C-alpha atoms as a PDB file:
ATOM      1  CA  UNK A   1     128.310  16.658 -12.767  1.00  0.00           C
ATOM      2  CA  UNK A   2     131.937  17.778 -12.348  1.00  0.00           C
ATOM      3  CA  UNK A   3     134.287  15.957  -9.981  1.00  0.00           C
ATOM      4  CA  UNK A   4     135.267  19.303  -8.419  1.00  0.00           C
ATOM      5  CA  UNK A   5     133.192  22.459  -8.597  1.00  0.00           C
ATOM      6  CA  UNK A   6     133.886  25.949  -7.246  1.00  0.00           C
ATOM      7  CA  UNK A   7     131.094  28.517  -7.437  1.00  0.00           C
ATOM      8  CA  UNK A   8     131.969  32.196  -6.916  1.00  0.00           C
ATOM      9  CA  UNK A   9     134.549  31.484  -4.224  1.00  0.00           C
ATOM     10  CA  UNK A  10     136.015  34.526  -2.466  1.00  0.00           C
ATOM     11  CA  UNK A  11     138.535  34.767   0.332  1.00  0.00           C
ATOM     12  CA  UNK A  12     139.382  37.825   2.418  1.00  0.00           C
ATOM     13  CA  UNK A  13     142.012  38.217   5.122  1.00  0.00           C
ATOM     14  CA  UNK A  14     140.798  41.262   7.006  1.00  0.00           C
ATOM     15  CA  UNK A  15     140.740  44.160   4.535  1.00  0.00           C
ATOM     16  CA  UNK A  16     142.766  42.210   1.934  1.00  0.00           C
ATOM     17  CA  UNK A  17     140.829  40.195  -0.659  1.00  0.00           C
ATOM     18  CA  UNK A  18     142.902  37.311  -1.999  1.00  0.00           C
ATOM     19  CA  UNK A  19     140.262  35.684  -4.236  1.00  0.00           C
ATOM     20  CA  UNK A  20     137.116  37.178  -5.732  1.00  0.00           C
ATOM     21  CA  UNK A  21     134.120  35.286  -7.150  1.00  0.00           C
ATOM     22  CA  UNK A  22     136.289  32.514  -8.610  1.00  0.00           C
ATOM     23  CA  UNK A  23     134.470  29.700 -10.393  1.00  0.00           C
ATOM     24  CA  UNK A  24     136.042  26.480 -11.649  1.00  0.00           C
ATOM     25  CA  UNK A  25     134.968  23.056 -12.881  1.00  0.00           C
ATOM     26  CA  UNK A  26     137.338  20.075 -12.876  1.00  0.00           C
ATOM     27  CA  UNK A  27     136.502  16.723 -14.442  1.00  0.00           C
ATOM     28  CA  UNK A  28     137.807  13.442 -13.025  1.00  0.00           C
ATOM     29  CA  UNK A  29     141.186  12.539 -14.528  1.00  0.00           C
ATOM     30  CA  UNK A  30     142.104  16.040 -15.656  1.00  0.00           C
ATOM     31  CA  UNK A  31     145.586  17.504 -15.215  1.00  0.00           C
ATOM     32  CA  UNK A  32     145.231  21.254 -14.688  1.00  0.00           C
ATOM     33  CA  UNK A  33     147.950  23.760 -13.827  1.00  0.00           C
ATOM     34  CA  UNK A  34     147.312  27.131 -12.206  1.00  0.00           C
ATOM     35  CA  UNK A  35     149.572  30.105 -12.949  1.00  0.00           C
ATOM     36  CA  UNK A  36     149.371  33.826 -12.342  1.00  0.00           C
ATOM     37  CA  UNK A  37     151.226  36.826 -10.927  1.00  0.00           C
ATOM     38  CA  UNK A  38     152.803  36.587  -7.488  1.00  0.00           C
ATOM     39  CA  UNK A  39     150.215  37.185  -4.773  1.00  0.00           C
ATOM     40  CA  UNK A  40     147.232  36.327  -6.969  1.00  0.00           C
ATOM     41  CA  UNK A  41     145.957  33.668  -4.558  1.00  0.00           C
ATOM     42  CA  UNK A  42     147.147  30.419  -6.190  1.00  0.00           C
ATOM     43  CA  UNK A  43     148.177  28.761  -2.926  1.00  0.00           C
ATOM     44  CA  UNK A  44     145.130  30.158  -1.119  1.00  0.00           C
ATOM     45  CA  UNK A  45     142.913  28.604  -3.791  1.00  0.00           C
ATOM     46  CA  UNK A  46     144.583  25.222  -3.392  1.00  0.00           C
ATOM     47  CA  UNK A  47     144.213  25.352   0.409  1.00  0.00           C
ATOM     48  CA  UNK A  48     140.482  26.130   0.083  1.00  0.00           C
ATOM     49  CA  UNK A  49     139.998  23.217  -2.327  1.00  0.00           C
ATOM     50  CA  UNK A  50     141.909  20.974   0.070  1.00  0.00           C
ATOM     51  CA  UNK A  51     139.722  21.953   3.006  1.00  0.00           C
ATOM     52  CA  UNK A  52     142.676  23.488   4.856  1.00  0.00           C
ATOM     53  CA  UNK A  53     141.197  26.980   4.663  1.00  0.00           C
ATOM     54  CA  UNK A  54     137.584  28.102   4.603  1.00  0.00           C
ATOM     55  CA  UNK A  55     136.230  30.400   1.892  1.00  0.00           C
ATOM     56  CA  UNK A  56     134.737  33.738   2.916  1.00  0.00           C
ATOM     57  CA  UNK A  57     131.899  33.159   0.464  1.00  0.00           C
ATOM     58  CA  UNK A  58     130.964  30.806  -2.342  1.00  0.00           C
ATOM     59  CA  UNK A  59     130.877  27.021  -2.463  1.00  0.00           C
ATOM     60  CA  UNK A  60     133.341  24.192  -3.049  1.00  0.00           C
ATOM     61  CA  UNK A  61     131.968  20.736  -3.858  1.00  0.00           C
ATOM     62  CA  UNK A  62     133.876  17.499  -4.437  1.00  0.00           C
ATOM     63  CA  UNK A  63     131.915  14.529  -5.769  1.00  0.00           C
ATOM     64  CA  UNK A  64     128.846  16.739  -5.277  1.00  0.00           C
ATOM     65  CA  UNK A  65     129.513  17.060  -1.542  1.00  0.00           C
ATOM     66  CA  UNK A  66     130.461  20.341   0.151  1.00  0.00           C
ATOM     67  CA  UNK A  67     134.097  20.639   1.222  1.00  0.00           C
ATOM     68  CA  UNK A  68     134.123  21.669   4.884  1.00  0.00           C
ATOM     69  CA  UNK A  69     137.426  20.034   5.828  1.00  0.00           C
ATOM     70  CA  UNK A  70     140.097  17.832   4.201  1.00  0.00           C
ATOM     71  CA  UNK A  71     138.241  15.270   2.020  1.00  0.00           C
ATOM     72  CA  UNK A  72     139.266  11.613   2.060  1.00  0.00           C
ATOM     73  CA  UNK A  73     139.497  11.565  -1.750  1.00  0.00           C
ATOM     74  CA  UNK A  74     142.190  14.225  -1.846  1.00  0.00           C
ATOM     75  CA  UNK A  75     145.828  14.589  -0.809  1.00  0.00           C
ATOM     76  CA  UNK A  76     148.093  17.649  -0.719  1.00  0.00           C
ATOM     77  CA  UNK A  77     151.755  17.648  -1.821  1.00  0.00           C
ATOM     78  CA  UNK A  78     153.655  20.707  -0.595  1.00  0.00           C
ATOM     79  CA  UNK A  79     156.666  22.492  -2.045  1.00  0.00           C
ATOM     80  CA  UNK A  80     158.564  22.170   1.222  1.00  0.00           C
ATOM     81  CA  UNK A  81     159.111  18.423   1.072  1.00  0.00           C
ATOM     82  CA  UNK A  82     161.606  18.602   3.945  1.00  0.00           C
ATOM     83  CA  UNK A  83     158.794  19.852   6.175  1.00  0.00           C
ATOM     84  CA  UNK A  84     156.069  17.521   4.933  1.00  0.00           C
ATOM     85  CA  UNK A  85     158.075  14.346   5.658  1.00  0.00           C
ATOM     86  CA  UNK A  86     158.570  13.065   9.183  1.00  0.00           C
ATOM     87  CA  UNK A  87     162.336  13.317   9.796  1.00  0.00           C
ATOM     88  CA  UNK A  88     162.356  10.543  12.406  1.00  0.00           C
ATOM     89  CA  UNK A  89     160.575   8.039  10.159  1.00  0.00           C
ATOM     90  CA  UNK A  90     162.294   5.988   7.471  1.00  0.00           C
ATOM     91  CA  UNK A  91     161.277   6.404   3.834  1.00  0.00           C
ATOM     92  CA  UNK A  92     159.078   3.286   4.074  1.00  0.00           C
ATOM     93  CA  UNK A  93     157.397   4.454   7.275  1.00  0.00           C
ATOM     94  CA  UNK A  94     156.739   7.886   5.753  1.00  0.00           C
ATOM     95  CA  UNK A  95     154.969   6.230   2.821  1.00  0.00           C
ATOM     96  CA  UNK A  96     153.030   4.025   5.250  1.00  0.00           C
ATOM     97  CA  UNK A  97     151.823   6.928   7.376  1.00  0.00           C
ATOM     98  CA  UNK A  98     148.514   7.577   5.599  1.00  0.00           C
ATOM     99  CA  UNK A  99     147.617   3.886   5.760  1.00  0.00           C
ATOM    100  CA  UNK A 100     148.148   3.447   9.474  1.00  0.00           C
ATOM    101  CA  UNK A 101     144.846   3.309  11.318  1.00  0.00           C
ATOM    102  CA  UNK A 102     143.015   2.387   8.093  1.00  0.00           C
ATOM    103  CA  UNK A 103     142.287  -1.155   9.256  1.00  0.00           C
ATOM    104  CA  UNK A 104     144.687  -2.665   6.720  1.00  0.00           C
ATOM    105  CA  UNK A 105     146.929  -5.450   7.931  1.00  0.00           C
ATOM    106  CA  UNK A 106     150.621  -4.772   8.422  1.00  0.00           C
ATOM    107  CA  UNK A 107     151.470  -7.071   5.503  1.00  0.00           C
ATOM    108  CA  UNK A 108     149.025  -5.248   3.197  1.00  0.00           C
ATOM    109  CA  UNK A 109     150.474  -1.866   4.186  1.00  0.00           C
ATOM    110  CA  UNK A 110     153.982  -3.177   3.581  1.00  0.00           C
ATOM    111  CA  UNK A 111     152.986  -4.491   0.137  1.00  0.00           C
ATOM    112  CA  UNK A 112     151.534  -1.118  -0.829  1.00  0.00           C
ATOM    113  CA  UNK A 113     154.666   0.687   0.336  1.00  0.00           C
ATOM    114  CA  UNK A 114     156.819  -1.684  -1.703  1.00  0.00           C
ATOM    115  CA  UNK A 115     154.668  -1.115  -4.794  1.00  0.00           C
ATOM    116  CA  UNK A 116     154.857   2.665  -4.688  1.00  0.00           C
ATOM    117  CA  UNK A 117     158.501   2.865  -3.684  1.00  0.00           C
ATOM    118  CA  UNK A 118     159.280   0.757  -6.754  1.00  0.00           C
ATOM    119  CA  UNK A 119     157.214   3.090  -8.911  1.00  0.00           C
ATOM    120  CA  UNK A 120     159.170   6.159  -7.815  1.00  0.00           C
ATOM    121  CA  UNK A 121     162.525   4.344  -7.931  1.00  0.00           C
ATOM    122  CA  UNK A 122     163.289   4.367  -4.218  1.00  0.00           C
ATOM    123  CA  UNK A 123     163.172   0.689  -3.266  1.00  0.00           C
ATOM    124  CA  UNK A 124     166.859   0.713  -2.380  1.00  0.00           C
ATOM    125  CA  UNK A 125     166.385   3.654  -0.009  1.00  0.00           C
ATOM    126  CA  UNK A 126     163.392   2.426   1.977  1.00  0.00           C
ATOM    127  CA  UNK A 127     165.288   2.331   5.292  1.00  0.00           C
ATOM    128  CA  UNK A 128     166.923   5.733   4.849  1.00  0.00           C
ATOM    129  CA  UNK A 129     165.809   8.793   6.800  1.00  0.00           C
ATOM    130  CA  UNK A 130     164.668  11.836   4.789  1.00  0.00           C
ATOM    131  CA  UNK A 131     167.812  13.883   5.565  1.00  0.00           C
ATOM    132  CA  UNK A 132     169.896  11.175   3.907  1.00  0.00           C
ATOM    133  CA  UNK A 133     168.166  11.786   0.560  1.00  0.00           C
ATOM    134  CA  UNK A 134     168.493  14.521  -2.053  1.00  0.00           C
ATOM    135  CA  UNK A 135     165.689  17.049  -2.470  1.00  0.00           C
ATOM    136  CA  UNK A 136     164.341  15.294  -5.561  1.00  0.00           C
ATOM    137  CA  UNK A 137     164.320  11.955  -3.769  1.00  0.00           C
ATOM    138  CA  UNK A 138     162.487  13.459  -0.792  1.00  0.00           C
ATOM    139  CA  UNK A 139     159.809  14.809  -3.124  1.00  0.00           C
ATOM    140  CA  UNK A 140     159.468  11.357  -4.698  1.00  0.00           C
ATOM    141  CA  UNK A 141     158.811  10.005  -1.190  1.00  0.00           C
ATOM    142  CA  UNK A 142     156.039  12.605  -0.814  1.00  0.00           C
ATOM    143  CA  UNK A 143     154.530  11.534  -4.155  1.00  0.00           C
ATOM    144  CA  UNK A 144     154.736   7.841  -3.200  1.00  0.00           C
ATOM    145  CA  UNK A 145     152.987   8.579   0.098  1.00  0.00           C
ATOM    146  CA  UNK A 146     150.215  10.434  -1.742  1.00  0.00           C
ATOM    147  CA  UNK A 147     149.699   7.528  -4.136  1.00  0.00           C
ATOM    148  CA  UNK A 148     149.784   4.895  -1.397  1.00  0.00           C
ATOM    149  CA  UNK A 149     147.067   6.789   0.443  1.00  0.00           C
ATOM    150  CA  UNK A 150     144.787   6.036  -2.499  1.00  0.00           C
ATOM    151  CA  UNK A 151     143.454   9.538  -3.141  1.00  0.00           C
ATOM    152  CA  UNK A 152     141.599  10.253  -6.380  1.00  0.00           C
ATOM    153  CA  UNK A 153     142.932  13.805  -6.564  1.00  0.00           C
ATOM    154  CA  UNK A 154     146.349  15.308  -5.835  1.00  0.00           C
ATOM    155  CA  UNK A 155     146.838  18.997  -5.085  1.00  0.00           C
ATOM    156  CA  UNK A 156     150.419  20.101  -5.704  1.00  0.00           C
ATOM    157  CA  UNK A 157     151.686  23.508  -4.598  1.00  0.00           C
ATOM    158  CA  UNK A 158     154.973  24.355  -6.359  1.00  0.00           C
ATOM    159  CA  UNK A 159     156.077  20.759  -5.767  1.00  0.00           C
ATOM    160  CA  UNK A 160     159.266  20.942  -7.847  1.00  0.00           C
ATOM    161  CA  UNK A 161     160.202  24.552  -7.163  1.00  0.00           C
ATOM    162  CA  UNK A 162     163.079  23.761  -4.799  1.00  0.00           C
ATOM    163  CA  UNK A 163     165.059  21.309  -6.914  1.00  0.00           C
ATOM    164  CA  UNK A 164     167.573  21.770  -9.728  1.00  0.00           C
ATOM    165  CA  UNK A 165     166.513  21.850 -13.388  1.00  0.00           C
ATOM    166  CA  UNK A 166     167.573  18.293 -14.243  1.00  0.00           C
ATOM    167  CA  UNK A 167     165.831  16.819 -11.199  1.00  0.00           C
ATOM    168  CA  UNK A 168     162.766  18.928 -11.950  1.00  0.00           C
ATOM    169  CA  UNK A 169     162.487  17.544 -15.476  1.00  0.00           C
ATOM    170  CA  UNK A 170     162.718  13.988 -14.146  1.00  0.00           C
ATOM    171  CA  UNK A 171     160.019  14.653 -11.542  1.00  0.00           C
ATOM    172  CA  UNK A 172     157.733  16.172 -14.176  1.00  0.00           C
ATOM    173  CA  UNK A 173     158.021  13.064 -16.337  1.00  0.00           C
ATOM    174  CA  UNK A 174     157.550  10.758 -13.340  1.00  0.00           C
ATOM    175  CA  UNK A 175     154.392  12.621 -12.330  1.00  0.00           C
ATOM    176  CA  UNK A 176     152.983  12.352 -15.855  1.00  0.00           C
ATOM    177  CA  UNK A 177     153.608   8.595 -15.948  1.00  0.00           C
ATOM    178  CA  UNK A 178     151.865   8.144 -12.592  1.00  0.00           C
ATOM    179  CA  UNK A 179     148.963  10.399 -13.602  1.00  0.00           C
ATOM    180  CA  UNK A 180     148.340   8.309 -16.711  1.00  0.00           C
ATOM    181  CA  UNK A 181     148.835   4.972 -14.926  1.00  0.00           C
ATOM    182  CA  UNK A 182     146.414   5.722 -12.095  1.00  0.00           C
ATOM    183  CA  UNK A 183     143.958   8.078 -13.867  1.00  0.00           C
ATOM    184  CA  UNK A 184     144.540  10.707 -11.189  1.00  0.00           C
ATOM    185  CA  UNK A 185     143.035  14.162 -11.080  1.00  0.00           C
ATOM    186  CA  UNK A 186     145.815  16.706 -10.578  1.00  0.00           C
ATOM    187  CA  UNK A 187     145.702  20.411  -9.713  1.00  0.00           C
ATOM    188  CA  UNK A 188     149.223  21.786 -10.004  1.00  0.00           C
ATOM    189  CA  UNK A 189     150.220  25.283  -8.862  1.00  0.00           C
ATOM    190  CA  UNK A 190     153.438  26.655 -10.330  1.00  0.00           C
ATOM    191  CA  UNK A 191     155.170  29.957 -11.061  1.00  0.00           C
ATOM    192  CA  UNK A 192     156.871  28.337 -14.050  1.00  0.00           C
ATOM    193  CA  UNK A 193     154.825  28.831 -17.223  1.00  0.00           C
ATOM    194  CA  UNK A 194     156.943  26.339 -19.173  1.00  0.00           C
ATOM    195  CA  UNK A 195     156.369  23.698 -16.512  1.00  0.00           C
ATOM    196  CA  UNK A 196     152.622  24.355 -16.478  1.00  0.00           C
ATOM    197  CA  UNK A 197     152.413  24.039 -20.236  1.00  0.00           C
ATOM    198  CA  UNK A 198     154.592  20.930 -20.385  1.00  0.00           C
ATOM    199  CA  UNK A 199     152.652  18.827 -17.875  1.00  0.00           C
ATOM    200  CA  UNK A 200     149.048  19.999 -18.296  1.00  0.00           C
ATOM    201  CA  UNK A 201     145.991  19.366 -20.383  1.00  0.00           C
ATOM    202  CA  UNK A 202     144.701  22.770 -19.331  1.00  0.00           C
ATOM    203  CA  UNK A 203     146.328  25.882 -17.853  1.00  0.00           C
ATOM    204  CA  UNK A 204     144.293  28.313 -15.753  1.00  0.00           C
ATOM    205  CA  UNK A 205     145.607  31.874 -15.582  1.00  0.00           C
ATOM    206  CA  UNK A 206     144.574  33.845 -12.513  1.00  0.00           C
ATOM    207  CA  UNK A 207     144.334  37.618 -12.546  1.00  0.00           C
ATOM    208  CA  UNK A 208     146.372  39.840 -10.254  1.00  0.00           C
ATOM    209  CA  UNK A 209     144.968  40.175  -6.736  1.00  0.00           C
ATOM    210  CA  UNK A 210     142.141  39.691  -6.031  1.00  0.00           C
ATOM    211  CA  UNK A 211     142.551  36.505  -8.001  1.00  0.00           C
ATOM    212  CA  UNK A 212     139.908  35.117 -10.291  1.00  0.00           C
ATOM    213  CA  UNK A 213     140.125  33.001 -13.459  1.00  0.00           C
ATOM    214  CA  UNK A 214     141.324  35.256 -16.253  1.00  0.00           C
ATOM    215  CA  UNK A 215     141.422  32.555 -18.912  1.00  0.00           C
ATOM    216  CA  UNK A 216     141.597  28.797 -19.369  1.00  0.00           C
ATOM    217  CA  UNK A 217     143.899  27.456 -22.087  1.00  0.00           C
ATOM    218  CA  UNK A 218     143.526  23.899 -23.399  1.00  0.00           C
ATOM    219  CA  UNK A 219     147.022  22.869 -24.458  1.00  0.00           C
ATOM    220  CA  UNK A 220     146.076  20.244 -27.044  1.00  0.00           C
ATOM    221  CA  UNK A 221     149.599  18.808 -26.813  1.00  0.00           C
ATOM    222  CA  UNK A 222     149.988  15.079 -27.332  1.00  0.00           C
ATOM    223  CA  UNK A 223     150.951  12.641 -24.608  1.00  0.00           C
ATOM    224  CA  UNK A 224     153.407  11.196 -23.790  1.00  0.00           C
ATOM    225  CA  UNK A 225     155.299  14.465 -23.464  1.00  0.00           C
ATOM    226  CA  UNK A 226     158.991  14.763 -24.320  1.00  0.00           C
ATOM    227  CA  UNK A 227     161.281  17.319 -22.700  1.00  0.00           C
ATOM    228  CA  UNK A 228     162.826  18.285 -26.060  1.00  0.00           C
ATOM    229  CA  UNK A 229     160.246  17.535 -28.767  1.00  0.00           C
ATOM    230  CA  UNK A 230     157.218  18.860 -26.853  1.00  0.00           C
ATOM    231  CA  UNK A 231     158.987  22.102 -25.957  1.00  0.00           C
ATOM    232  CA  UNK A 232     160.045  22.637 -29.588  1.00  0.00           C
ATOM    233  CA  UNK A 233     156.558  22.072 -31.049  1.00  0.00           C
ATOM    234  CA  UNK A 234     154.991  25.075 -32.791  1.00  0.00           C
ATOM    235  CA  UNK A 235     151.808  24.720 -30.725  1.00  0.00           C
ATOM    236  CA  UNK A 236     153.797  24.710 -27.484  1.00  0.00           C
ATOM    237  CA  UNK A 237     155.696  27.860 -28.473  1.00  0.00           C
ATOM    238  CA  UNK A 238     152.489  29.652 -29.501  1.00  0.00           C
ATOM    239  CA  UNK A 239     150.836  28.790 -26.169  1.00  0.00           C
ATOM    240  CA  UNK A 240     153.976  29.879 -24.328  1.00  0.00           C
ATOM    241  CA  UNK A 241     153.868  33.330 -25.934  1.00  0.00           C
ATOM    242  CA  UNK A 242     150.179  33.646 -25.112  1.00  0.00           C
ATOM    243  CA  UNK A 243     150.628  32.629 -21.467  1.00  0.00           C
ATOM    244  CA  UNK A 244     153.589  34.927 -20.896  1.00  0.00           C
ATOM    245  CA  UNK A 245     151.565  37.800 -22.313  1.00  0.00           C
ATOM    246  CA  UNK A 246     148.617  37.032 -20.035  1.00  0.00           C
ATOM    247  CA  UNK A 247     150.660  36.590 -16.835  1.00  0.00           C
ATOM    248  CA  UNK A 248     153.029  39.523 -17.250  1.00  0.00           C
ATOM    249  CA  UNK A 249     150.663  42.184 -18.620  1.00  0.00           C
END
């Protein structure tokens, strides 16, 4: 039984069909990226999986239960980190947000916040407000909040698309370390084929609208990944050529 299963999922907005009969199986602990042409339904797919949007037809099951709303086991990290964080809350209180009302004691919540802020390298900024941080630091707050919440699966929609190249590389490597440390399941939407290939065990290519799975590529690249060595490997370059051909033709 797969951790996440989609069976012939379609989504229409009036006369426009965004997704058509899309099927997908995700095993616990997998890191899968989703790429495809603009408008192919990548973000729509992620929102359906996250229970933020209902499918027009088909079925989504998580842990063999139908997804009819946001599941407890899952958390969503958006591209627009400056909109997903609460601007009036400190970094620590943003990380604590998902734990409030959980029944945990204040000291236990504080300990969890400390743990995850240390992991993402933001301990010294715990009393800062989001606007006092760089874009990359704000996205690290969003990742820390997702981890503190204790979800088994993280959905990420272009999470590093709004930061500079150097910050993006650092966030990619941080995410991979956290994925391995906590055995997370990650679905990662990106327009960047190189990013998808660098971070993932598997890359799904969606067709042009209406989107469905065109192919699934198992990268076979060793972990831990390295920003220079991995990207220079013959296997990486061969996969890169293949993915560019699939997405842009």
